[in-house]
Amino acid sequence: MEIRIKINETEYADFVYRTEAAGFPSISAYARELLFPHHDYKQKWSEVKAYIDQLESGDIFFLREALPNTPSLFGRWVYEQQKELGLELDGKDRTGTNRWRKL
């Protein structure tokens, strides 16, 4: 299911600013947090980033190792922010799950 809303450029710029200030990887991530605060995406995302930060260069991992029961949308967030997180895609497992390497 998808929800679409129209906003003007000023509203968009404000939303981008608030997203970055809150430390979210994307506008859709921030919007989810606003709509579903009980899921605590911000805390979970912080845990994933902390896991990635403690990895050594060359370490290979699956996102599910960073956080048990990782929300599926986190895979997209990692993919979209792989450069900022210092990661590169290292292939997939037999189920199609991305395997990551720490740079």
PDB file of N, CA and C in Angstrom:
ATOM      1  N   MET A   1       0.844  -1.173   0.000  1.00  0.00           N
ATOM      2  CA  MET A   1       0.000   0.000   0.000  1.00  0.00           C
ATOM      3  C   MET A   1       0.891   1.239   0.000  1.00  0.00           C
ATOM      4  N   GLU A   2       0.443   2.249  -0.630  1.00  0.00           N
ATOM      5  CA  GLU A   2       1.228   3.466  -0.755  1.00  0.00           C
ATOM      6  C   GLU A   2       0.334   4.663  -0.479  1.00  0.00           C
ATOM      7  N   ILE A   3       0.875   5.630   0.243  1.00  0.00           N
ATOM      8  CA  ILE A   3       0.171   6.880   0.512  1.00  0.00           C
ATOM      9  C   ILE A   3       0.957   7.991  -0.161  1.00  0.00           C
ATOM     10  N   ARG A   4       0.265   8.847  -0.871  1.00  0.00           N
ATOM     11  CA  ARG A   4       0.909   9.980  -1.526  1.00  0.00           C
ATOM     12  C   ARG A   4       0.276  11.267  -1.037  1.00  0.00           C
ATOM     13  N   ILE A   5       1.133  12.251  -0.793  1.00  0.00           N
ATOM     14  CA  ILE A   5       0.645  13.579  -0.460  1.00  0.00           C
ATOM     15  C   ILE A   5       1.432  14.582  -1.290  1.00  0.00           C
ATOM     16  N   LYS A   6       0.829  15.700  -1.576  1.00  0.00           N
ATOM     17  CA  LYS A   6       1.521  16.751  -2.310  1.00  0.00           C
ATOM     18  C   LYS A   6       1.897  17.847  -1.329  1.00  0.00           C
ATOM     19  N   ILE A   7       3.155  18.274  -1.440  1.00  0.00           N
ATOM     20  CA  ILE A   7       3.628  19.391  -0.631  1.00  0.00           C
ATOM     21  C   ILE A   7       4.388  20.338  -1.549  1.00  0.00           C
ATOM     22  N   ASN A   8       4.497  21.582  -1.120  1.00  0.00           N
ATOM     23  CA  ASN A   8       5.214  22.548  -1.950  1.00  0.00           C
ATOM     24  C   ASN A   8       6.718  22.485  -1.636  1.00  0.00           C
ATOM     25  N   GLU A   9       7.505  23.246  -2.372  1.00  0.00           N
ATOM     26  CA  GLU A   9       8.960  23.193  -2.225  1.00  0.00           C
ATOM     27  C   GLU A   9       9.422  23.645  -0.844  1.00  0.00           C
ATOM     28  N   THR A  10       8.762  24.623  -0.282  1.00  0.00           N
ATOM     29  CA  THR A  10       9.119  25.099   1.050  1.00  0.00           C
ATOM     30  C   THR A  10       8.858  24.019   2.092  1.00  0.00           C
ATOM     31  N   GLU A  11       7.711  23.363   2.001  1.00  0.00           N
ATOM     32  CA  GLU A  11       7.392  22.276   2.931  1.00  0.00           C
ATOM     33  C   GLU A  11       8.381  21.128   2.774  1.00  0.00           C
ATOM     34  N   TYR A  12       8.746  20.830   1.535  1.00  0.00           N
ATOM     35  CA  TYR A  12       9.705  19.763   1.281  1.00  0.00           C
ATOM     36  C   TYR A  12      11.060  20.094   1.902  1.00  0.00           C
ATOM     37  N   ALA A  13      11.519  21.316   1.689  1.00  0.00           N
ATOM     38  CA  ALA A  13      12.801  21.738   2.254  1.00  0.00           C
ATOM     39  C   ALA A  13      12.774  21.640   3.780  1.00  0.00           C
ATOM     40  N   ASP A  14      11.662  22.030   4.373  1.00  0.00           N
ATOM     41  CA  ASP A  14      11.518  21.932   5.831  1.00  0.00           C
ATOM     42  C   ASP A  14      11.565  20.473   6.277  1.00  0.00           C
ATOM     43  N   PHE A  15      10.912  19.618   5.530  1.00  0.00           N
ATOM     44  CA  PHE A  15      10.884  18.199   5.875  1.00  0.00           C
ATOM     45  C   PHE A  15      12.279  17.581   5.748  1.00  0.00           C
ATOM     46  N   VAL A  16      13.022  17.963   4.726  1.00  0.00           N
ATOM     47  CA  VAL A  16      14.400  17.494   4.559  1.00  0.00           C
ATOM     48  C   VAL A  16      15.242  17.949   5.751  1.00  0.00           C
ATOM     49  N   TYR A  17      15.105  19.203   6.126  1.00  0.00           N
ATOM     50  CA  TYR A  17      15.852  19.745   7.260  1.00  0.00           C
ATOM     51  C   TYR A  17      15.531  18.973   8.540  1.00  0.00           C
ATOM     52  N   ARG A  18      14.253  18.758   8.800  1.00  0.00           N
ATOM     53  CA  ARG A  18      13.856  18.036  10.024  1.00  0.00           C
ATOM     54  C   ARG A  18      14.314  16.583   9.992  1.00  0.00           C
ATOM     55  N   THR A  19      14.304  15.972   8.815  1.00  0.00           N
ATOM     56  CA  THR A  19      14.774  14.586   8.678  1.00  0.00           C
ATOM     57  C   THR A  19      16.246  14.491   9.041  1.00  0.00           C
ATOM     58  N   GLU A  20      17.052  15.381   8.487  1.00  0.00           N
ATOM     59  CA  GLU A  20      18.489  15.367   8.753  1.00  0.00           C
ATOM     60  C   GLU A  20      18.782  15.713  10.211  1.00  0.00           C
ATOM     61  N   ALA A  21      18.076  16.691  10.753  1.00  0.00           N
ATOM     62  CA  ALA A  21      18.286  17.094  12.148  1.00  0.00           C
ATOM     63  C   ALA A  21      17.943  15.959  13.114  1.00  0.00           C
ATOM     64  N   ALA A  22      16.961  15.140  12.741  1.00  0.00           N
ATOM     65  CA  ALA A  22      16.553  14.023  13.601  1.00  0.00           C
ATOM     66  C   ALA A  22      17.437  12.794  13.398  1.00  0.00           C
ATOM     67  N   GLY A  23      18.324  12.836  12.403  1.00  0.00           N
ATOM     68  CA  GLY A  23      19.257  11.739  12.189  1.00  0.00           C
ATOM     69  C   GLY A  23      18.698  10.551  11.435  1.00  0.00           C
ATOM     70  N   PHE A  24      17.670  10.770  10.633  1.00  0.00           N
ATOM     71  CA  PHE A  24      17.084   9.678   9.863  1.00  0.00           C
ATOM     72  C   PHE A  24      17.728   9.580   8.491  1.00  0.00           C
ATOM     73  N   PRO A  25      17.777   8.369   7.939  1.00  0.00           N
ATOM     74  CA  PRO A  25      18.447   8.178   6.651  1.00  0.00           C
ATOM     75  C   PRO A  25      17.666   8.671   5.446  1.00  0.00           C
ATOM     76  N   SER A  26      16.362   8.886   5.604  1.00  0.00           N
ATOM     77  CA  SER A  26      15.556   9.333   4.474  1.00  0.00           C
ATOM     78  C   SER A  26      14.280  10.000   4.982  1.00  0.00           C
ATOM     79  N   ILE A  27      13.651  10.724   4.086  1.00  0.00           N
ATOM     80  CA  ILE A  27      12.389  11.371   4.433  1.00  0.00           C
ATOM     81  C   ILE A  27      11.326  10.338   4.762  1.00  0.00           C
ATOM     82  N   SER A  28      11.277   9.258   3.994  1.00  0.00           N
ATOM     83  CA  SER A  28      10.270   8.226   4.267  1.00  0.00           C
ATOM     84  C   SER A  28      10.501   7.582   5.629  1.00  0.00           C
ATOM     85  N   ALA A  29      11.753   7.443   6.031  1.00  0.00           N
ATOM     86  CA  ALA A  29      12.058   6.884   7.355  1.00  0.00           C
ATOM     87  C   ALA A  29      11.547   7.811   8.452  1.00  0.00           C
ATOM     88  N   TYR A  30      11.776   9.095   8.280  1.00  0.00           N
ATOM     89  CA  TYR A  30      11.313  10.073   9.265  1.00  0.00           C
ATOM     90  C   TYR A  30       9.785  10.106   9.312  1.00  0.00           C
ATOM     91  N   ALA A  31       9.158  10.051   8.159  1.00  0.00           N
ATOM     92  CA  ALA A  31       7.692  10.044   8.106  1.00  0.00           C
ATOM     93  C   ALA A  31       7.131   8.822   8.834  1.00  0.00           C
ATOM     94  N   ARG A  32       7.778   7.673   8.643  1.00  0.00           N
ATOM     95  CA  ARG A  32       7.348   6.454   9.351  1.00  0.00           C
ATOM     96  C   ARG A  32       7.424   6.640  10.855  1.00  0.00           C
ATOM     97  N   GLU A  33       8.506   7.254  11.303  1.00  0.00           N
ATOM     98  CA  GLU A  33       8.677   7.479  12.743  1.00  0.00           C
ATOM     99  C   GLU A  33       7.569   8.391  13.265  1.00  0.00           C
ATOM    100  N   LEU A  34       7.220   9.402  12.494  1.00  0.00           N
ATOM    101  CA  LEU A  34       6.145  10.300  12.914  1.00  0.00           C
ATOM    102  C   LEU A  34       4.798   9.579  12.973  1.00  0.00           C
ATOM    103  N   LEU A  35       4.575   8.697  12.014  1.00  0.00           N
ATOM    104  CA  LEU A  35       3.304   7.973  11.959  1.00  0.00           C
ATOM    105  C   LEU A  35       3.229   6.816  12.950  1.00  0.00           C
ATOM    106  N   PHE A  36       4.359   6.168  13.198  1.00  0.00           N
ATOM    107  CA  PHE A  36       4.383   4.969  14.047  1.00  0.00           C
ATOM    108  C   PHE A  36       5.466   5.077  15.115  1.00  0.00           C
ATOM    109  N   PRO A  37       5.355   6.023  16.045  1.00  0.00           N
ATOM    110  CA  PRO A  37       6.424   6.213  17.039  1.00  0.00           C
ATOM    111  C   PRO A  37       6.646   4.998  17.933  1.00  0.00           C
ATOM    112  N   HIS A  38       5.651   4.159  18.087  1.00  0.00           N
ATOM    113  CA  HIS A  38       5.797   2.977  18.939  1.00  0.00           C
ATOM    114  C   HIS A  38       6.758   1.942  18.346  1.00  0.00           C
ATOM    115  N   HIS A  39       7.098   2.039  17.059  1.00  0.00           N
ATOM    116  CA  HIS A  39       8.057   1.120  16.453  1.00  0.00           C
ATOM    117  C   HIS A  39       9.497   1.515  16.788  1.00  0.00           C
ATOM    118  N   ASP A  40       9.705   2.754  17.178  1.00  0.00           N
ATOM    119  CA  ASP A  40      11.016   3.273  17.579  1.00  0.00           C
ATOM    120  C   ASP A  40      12.101   2.997  16.541  1.00  0.00           C
ATOM    121  N   TYR A  41      11.822   3.383  15.299  1.00  0.00           N
ATOM    122  CA  TYR A  41      12.779   3.192  14.213  1.00  0.00           C
ATOM    123  C   TYR A  41      14.103   3.906  14.480  1.00  0.00           C
ATOM    124  N   LYS A  42      14.040   5.065  15.115  1.00  0.00           N
ATOM    125  CA  LYS A  42      15.266   5.821  15.365  1.00  0.00           C
ATOM    126  C   LYS A  42      16.219   5.022  16.253  1.00  0.00           C
ATOM    127  N   GLN A  43      15.713   4.427  17.316  1.00  0.00           N
ATOM    128  CA  GLN A  43      16.552   3.628  18.206  1.00  0.00           C
ATOM    129  C   GLN A  43      17.116   2.409  17.474  1.00  0.00           C
ATOM    130  N   LYS A  44      16.276   1.748  16.711  1.00  0.00           N
ATOM    131  CA  LYS A  44      16.721   0.563  15.971  1.00  0.00           C
ATOM    132  C   LYS A  44      17.773   0.934  14.929  1.00  0.00           C
ATOM    133  N   TRP A  45      17.576   2.050  14.251  1.00  0.00           N
ATOM    134  CA  TRP A  45      18.550   2.502  13.250  1.00  0.00           C
ATOM    135  C   TRP A  45      19.870   2.838  13.933  1.00  0.00           C
ATOM    136  N   SER A  46      19.818   3.442  15.121  1.00  0.00           N
ATOM    137  CA  SER A  46      21.030   3.744  15.881  1.00  0.00           C
ATOM    138  C   SER A  46      21.785   2.472  16.230  1.00  0.00           C
ATOM    139  N   GLU A  47      21.062   1.413  16.577  1.00  0.00           N
ATOM    140  CA  GLU A  47      21.690   0.131  16.898  1.00  0.00           C
ATOM    141  C   GLU A  47      22.381  -0.463  15.671  1.00  0.00           C
ATOM    142  N   VAL A  48      21.736  -0.359  14.523  1.00  0.00           N
ATOM    143  CA  VAL A  48      22.332  -0.872  13.289  1.00  0.00           C
ATOM    144  C   VAL A  48      23.610  -0.096  12.965  1.00  0.00           C
ATOM    145  N   LYS A  49      23.559   1.231  13.067  1.00  0.00           N
ATOM    146  CA  LYS A  49      24.738   2.040  12.769  1.00  0.00           C
ATOM    147  C   LYS A  49      25.869   1.753  13.761  1.00  0.00           C
ATOM    148  N   ALA A  50      25.543   1.552  15.031  1.00  0.00           N
ATOM    149  CA  ALA A  50      26.564   1.234  16.037  1.00  0.00           C
ATOM    150  C   ALA A  50      27.225  -0.106  15.717  1.00  0.00           C
ATOM    151  N   TYR A  51      26.432  -1.078  15.286  1.00  0.00           N
ATOM    152  CA  TYR A  51      26.982  -2.378  14.907  1.00  0.00           C
ATOM    153  C   TYR A  51      27.962  -2.216  13.737  1.00  0.00           C
ATOM    154  N   ILE A  52      27.553  -1.461  12.729  1.00  0.00           N
ATOM    155  CA  ILE A  52      28.398  -1.248  11.558  1.00  0.00           C
ATOM    156  C   ILE A  52      29.673  -0.511  11.942  1.00  0.00           C
ATOM    157  N   ASP A  53      29.568   0.481  12.821  1.00  0.00           N
ATOM    158  CA  ASP A  53      30.736   1.257  13.242  1.00  0.00           C
ATOM    159  C   ASP A  53      31.792   0.400  13.933  1.00  0.00           C
ATOM    160  N   GLN A  54      31.364  -0.617  14.669  1.00  0.00           N
ATOM    161  CA  GLN A  54      32.327  -1.438  15.408  1.00  0.00           C
ATOM    162  C   GLN A  54      33.000  -2.502  14.542  1.00  0.00           C
ATOM    163  N   LEU A  55      32.539  -2.676  13.307  1.00  0.00           N
ATOM    164  CA  LEU A  55      33.145  -3.662  12.418  1.00  0.00           C
ATOM    165  C   LEU A  55      34.517  -3.198  11.947  1.00  0.00           C
ATOM    166  N   GLU A  56      35.385  -4.160  11.689  1.00  0.00           N
ATOM    167  CA  GLU A  56      36.705  -3.878  11.129  1.00  0.00           C
ATOM    168  C   GLU A  56      36.598  -3.804   9.603  1.00  0.00           C
ATOM    169  N   SER A  57      37.509  -3.090   8.994  1.00  0.00           N
ATOM    170  CA  SER A  57      37.561  -3.024   7.540  1.00  0.00           C
ATOM    171  C   SER A  57      37.710  -4.424   6.965  1.00  0.00           C
ATOM    172  N   GLY A  58      36.883  -4.744   5.977  1.00  0.00           N
ATOM    173  CA  GLY A  58      36.912  -6.056   5.345  1.00  0.00           C
ATOM    174  C   GLY A  58      35.928  -7.053   5.934  1.00  0.00           C
ATOM    175  N   ASP A  59      35.361  -6.735   7.100  1.00  0.00           N
ATOM    176  CA  ASP A  59      34.376  -7.639   7.704  1.00  0.00           C
ATOM    177  C   ASP A  59      33.158  -7.766   6.794  1.00  0.00           C
ATOM    178  N   ILE A  60      32.650  -8.972   6.695  1.00  0.00           N
ATOM    179  CA  ILE A  60      31.462  -9.253   5.891  1.00  0.00           C
ATOM    180  C   ILE A  60      30.330  -9.610   6.840  1.00  0.00           C
ATOM    181  N   PHE A  61      29.128  -9.098   6.562  1.00  0.00           N
ATOM    182  CA  PHE A  61      27.993  -9.350   7.448  1.00  0.00           C
ATOM    183  C   PHE A  61      26.684  -9.250   6.691  1.00  0.00           C
ATOM    184  N   PHE A  62      25.656  -9.755   7.314  1.00  0.00           N
ATOM    185  CA  PHE A  62      24.280  -9.578   6.858  1.00  0.00           C
ATOM    186  C   PHE A  62      23.607  -8.630   7.828  1.00  0.00           C
ATOM    187  N   LEU A  63      22.714  -7.827   7.355  1.00  0.00           N
ATOM    188  CA  LEU A  63      22.028  -6.848   8.185  1.00  0.00           C
ATOM    189  C   LEU A  63      21.325  -7.503   9.372  1.00  0.00           C
ATOM    190  N   ARG A  64      20.823  -8.701   9.183  1.00  0.00           N
ATOM    191  CA  ARG A  64      20.111  -9.394  10.268  1.00  0.00           C
ATOM    192  C   ARG A  64      21.023  -9.660  11.470  1.00  0.00           C
ATOM    193  N   GLU A  65      22.342  -9.635  11.259  1.00  0.00           N
ATOM    194  CA  GLU A  65      23.281  -9.814  12.358  1.00  0.00           C
ATOM    195  C   GLU A  65      23.369  -8.562  13.229  1.00  0.00           C
ATOM    196  N   ALA A  66      23.055  -7.422  12.652  1.00  0.00           N
ATOM    197  CA  ALA A  66      23.128  -6.161  13.371  1.00  0.00           C
ATOM    198  C   ALA A  66      21.958  -5.985  14.333  1.00  0.00           C
ATOM    199  N   LEU A  67      20.822  -6.521  13.978  1.00  0.00           N
ATOM    200  CA  LEU A  67      19.618  -6.338  14.784  1.00  0.00           C
ATOM    201  C   LEU A  67      18.669  -7.490  14.515  1.00  0.00           C
ATOM    202  N   PRO A  68      18.424  -8.327  15.513  1.00  0.00           N
ATOM    203  CA  PRO A  68      17.456  -9.410  15.300  1.00  0.00           C
ATOM    204  C   PRO A  68      16.092  -8.835  14.905  1.00  0.00           C
ATOM    205  N   ASN A  69      15.422  -9.510  14.028  1.00  0.00           N
ATOM    206  CA  ASN A  69      14.108  -9.059  13.539  1.00  0.00           C
ATOM    207  C   ASN A  69      14.188  -7.660  12.934  1.00  0.00           C
ATOM    208  N   THR A  70      15.226  -7.445  12.152  1.00  0.00           N
ATOM    209  CA  THR A  70      15.416  -6.154  11.496  1.00  0.00           C
ATOM    210  C   THR A  70      14.233  -5.851  10.593  1.00  0.00           C
ATOM    211  N   PRO A  71      13.627  -4.658  10.728  1.00  0.00           N
ATOM    212  CA  PRO A  71      12.552  -4.297   9.795  1.00  0.00           C
ATOM    213  C   PRO A  71      13.076  -4.343   8.355  1.00  0.00           C
ATOM    214  N   SER A  72      12.295  -4.870   7.461  1.00  0.00           N
ATOM    215  CA  SER A  72      12.754  -5.047   6.082  1.00  0.00           C
ATOM    216  C   SER A  72      13.137  -3.729   5.420  1.00  0.00           C
ATOM    217  N   LEU A  73      12.523  -2.644   5.810  1.00  0.00           N
ATOM    218  CA  LEU A  73      12.857  -1.364   5.201  1.00  0.00           C
ATOM    219  C   LEU A  73      14.270  -0.920   5.545  1.00  0.00           C
ATOM    220  N   PHE A  74      14.880  -1.495   6.581  1.00  0.00           N
ATOM    221  CA  PHE A  74      16.249  -1.135   6.923  1.00  0.00           C
ATOM    222  C   PHE A  74      17.210  -1.574   5.834  1.00  0.00           C
ATOM    223  N   GLY A  75      16.908  -2.646   5.151  1.00  0.00           N
ATOM    224  CA  GLY A  75      17.741  -3.072   4.035  1.00  0.00           C
ATOM    225  C   GLY A  75      17.830  -1.996   2.977  1.00  0.00           C
ATOM    226  N   ARG A  76      16.718  -1.365   2.712  1.00  0.00           N
ATOM    227  CA  ARG A  76      16.700  -0.268   1.738  1.00  0.00           C
ATOM    228  C   ARG A  76      17.501   0.921   2.255  1.00  0.00           C
ATOM    229  N   TRP A  77      17.343   1.226   3.551  1.00  0.00           N
ATOM    230  CA  TRP A  77      18.076   2.352   4.132  1.00  0.00           C
ATOM    231  C   TRP A  77      19.574   2.122   4.028  1.00  0.00           C
ATOM    232  N   VAL A  78      20.019   0.908   4.339  1.00  0.00           N
ATOM    233  CA  VAL A  78      21.448   0.594   4.247  1.00  0.00           C
ATOM    234  C   VAL A  78      21.909   0.709   2.797  1.00  0.00           C
ATOM    235  N   TYR A  79      21.115   0.180   1.879  1.00  0.00           N
ATOM    236  CA  TYR A  79      21.476   0.254   0.465  1.00  0.00           C
ATOM    237  C   TYR A  79      21.611   1.710   0.016  1.00  0.00           C
ATOM    238  N   GLU A  80      20.646   2.541   0.420  1.00  0.00           N
ATOM    239  CA  GLU A  80      20.651   3.949   0.014  1.00  0.00           C
ATOM    240  C   GLU A  80      21.799   4.721   0.661  1.00  0.00           C
ATOM    241  N   GLN A  81      22.261   4.291   1.829  1.00  0.00           N
ATOM    242  CA  GLN A  81      23.302   5.023   2.557  1.00  0.00           C
ATOM    243  C   GLN A  81      24.619   4.263   2.640  1.00  0.00           C
ATOM    244  N   GLN A  82      24.814   3.290   1.777  1.00  0.00           N
ATOM    245  CA  GLN A  82      26.007   2.455   1.884  1.00  0.00           C
ATOM    246  C   GLN A  82      27.295   3.263   1.858  1.00  0.00           C
ATOM    247  N   LYS A  83      27.349   4.312   1.058  1.00  0.00           N
ATOM    248  CA  LYS A  83      28.558   5.138   0.986  1.00  0.00           C
ATOM    249  C   LYS A  83      28.815   5.836   2.323  1.00  0.00           C
ATOM    250  N   GLU A  84      27.773   6.442   2.883  1.00  0.00           N
ATOM    251  CA  GLU A  84      27.904   7.151   4.156  1.00  0.00           C
ATOM    252  C   GLU A  84      28.240   6.198   5.301  1.00  0.00           C
ATOM    253  N   LEU A  85      27.771   4.961   5.216  1.00  0.00           N
ATOM    254  CA  LEU A  85      28.010   3.967   6.257  1.00  0.00           C
ATOM    255  C   LEU A  85      29.354   3.252   6.079  1.00  0.00           C
ATOM    256  N   GLY A  86      30.010   3.489   4.951  1.00  0.00           N
ATOM    257  CA  GLY A  86      31.301   2.857   4.683  1.00  0.00           C
ATOM    258  C   GLY A  86      31.165   1.391   4.328  1.00  0.00           C
ATOM    259  N   LEU A  87      30.179   1.084   3.492  1.00  0.00           N
ATOM    260  CA  LEU A  87      29.906  -0.295   3.106  1.00  0.00           C
ATOM    261  C   LEU A  87      29.933  -0.452   1.596  1.00  0.00           C
ATOM    262  N   GLU A  88      30.106  -1.698   1.174  1.00  0.00           N
ATOM    263  CA  GLU A  88      29.901  -2.032  -0.227  1.00  0.00           C
ATOM    264  C   GLU A  88      29.163  -3.363  -0.284  1.00  0.00           C
ATOM    265  N   LEU A  89      28.349  -3.518  -1.293  1.00  0.00           N
ATOM    266  CA  LEU A  89      27.608  -4.754  -1.496  1.00  0.00           C
ATOM    267  C   LEU A  89      28.598  -5.846  -1.886  1.00  0.00           C
ATOM    268  N   ASP A  90      28.496  -6.994  -1.216  1.00  0.00           N
ATOM    269  CA  ASP A  90      29.443  -8.090  -1.442  1.00  0.00           C
ATOM    270  C   ASP A  90      28.763  -9.307  -2.050  1.00  0.00           C
ATOM    271  N   GLY A  91      27.547  -9.158  -2.533  1.00  0.00           N
ATOM    272  CA  GLY A  91      26.818 -10.268  -3.118  1.00  0.00           C
ATOM    273  C   GLY A  91      25.537 -10.552  -2.339  1.00  0.00           C
ATOM    274  N   LYS A  92      24.989 -11.731  -2.595  1.00  0.00           N
ATOM    275  CA  LYS A  92      23.737 -12.134  -1.949  1.00  0.00           C
ATOM    276  C   LYS A  92      23.847 -13.585  -1.513  1.00  0.00           C
ATOM    277  N   ASP A  93      23.046 -13.945  -0.510  1.00  0.00           N
ATOM    278  CA  ASP A  93      22.991 -15.360  -0.137  1.00  0.00           C
ATOM    279  C   ASP A  93      21.979 -16.061  -1.030  1.00  0.00           C
ATOM    280  N   ARG A  94      21.735 -17.332  -0.768  1.00  0.00           N
ATOM    281  CA  ARG A  94      20.853 -18.110  -1.652  1.00  0.00           C
ATOM    282  C   ARG A  94      19.394 -17.646  -1.611  1.00  0.00           C
ATOM    283  N   THR A  95      19.038 -16.865  -0.577  1.00  0.00           N
ATOM    284  CA  THR A  95      17.665 -16.357  -0.501  1.00  0.00           C
ATOM    285  C   THR A  95      17.537 -14.953  -1.096  1.00  0.00           C
ATOM    286  N   GLY A  96      18.669 -14.390  -1.557  1.00  0.00           N
ATOM    287  CA  GLY A  96      18.638 -13.061  -2.164  1.00  0.00           C
ATOM    288  C   GLY A  96      18.898 -11.932  -1.185  1.00  0.00           C
ATOM    289  N   THR A  97      19.314 -12.265   0.027  1.00  0.00           N
ATOM    290  CA  THR A  97      19.614 -11.243   1.034  1.00  0.00           C
ATOM    291  C   THR A  97      20.986 -10.654   0.770  1.00  0.00           C
ATOM    292  N   ASN A  98      21.090  -9.314   0.821  1.00  0.00           N
ATOM    293  CA  ASN A  98      22.362  -8.649   0.565  1.00  0.00           C
ATOM    294  C   ASN A  98      23.381  -8.996   1.631  1.00  0.00           C
ATOM    295  N   ARG A  99      24.605  -9.223   1.177  1.00  0.00           N
ATOM    296  CA  ARG A  99      25.761  -9.439   2.043  1.00  0.00           C
ATOM    297  C   ARG A  99      26.619  -8.188   1.895  1.00  0.00           C
ATOM    298  N   TRP A 100      27.055  -7.613   3.022  1.00  0.00           N
ATOM    299  CA  TRP A 100      27.783  -6.353   3.017  1.00  0.00           C
ATOM    300  C   TRP A 100      29.209  -6.524   3.485  1.00  0.00           C
ATOM    301  N   ARG A 101      30.095  -5.662   2.978  1.00  0.00           N
ATOM    302  CA  ARG A 101      31.492  -5.621   3.404  1.00  0.00           C
ATOM    303  C   ARG A 101      31.789  -4.215   3.919  1.00  0.00           C
ATOM    304  N   LYS A 102      32.418  -4.166   5.086  1.00  0.00           N
ATOM    305  CA  LYS A 102      32.843  -2.882   5.654  1.00  0.00           C
ATOM    306  C   LYS A 102      34.096  -2.414   4.937  1.00  0.00           C
ATOM    307  N   LEU A 103      34.109  -1.191   4.463  1.00  0.00           N
ATOM    308  CA  LEU A 103      35.288  -0.629   3.772  1.00  0.00           C
ATOM    309  C   LEU A 103      36.349  -0.181   4.762  1.00  0.00           C
TER     310      LEU A 103
END
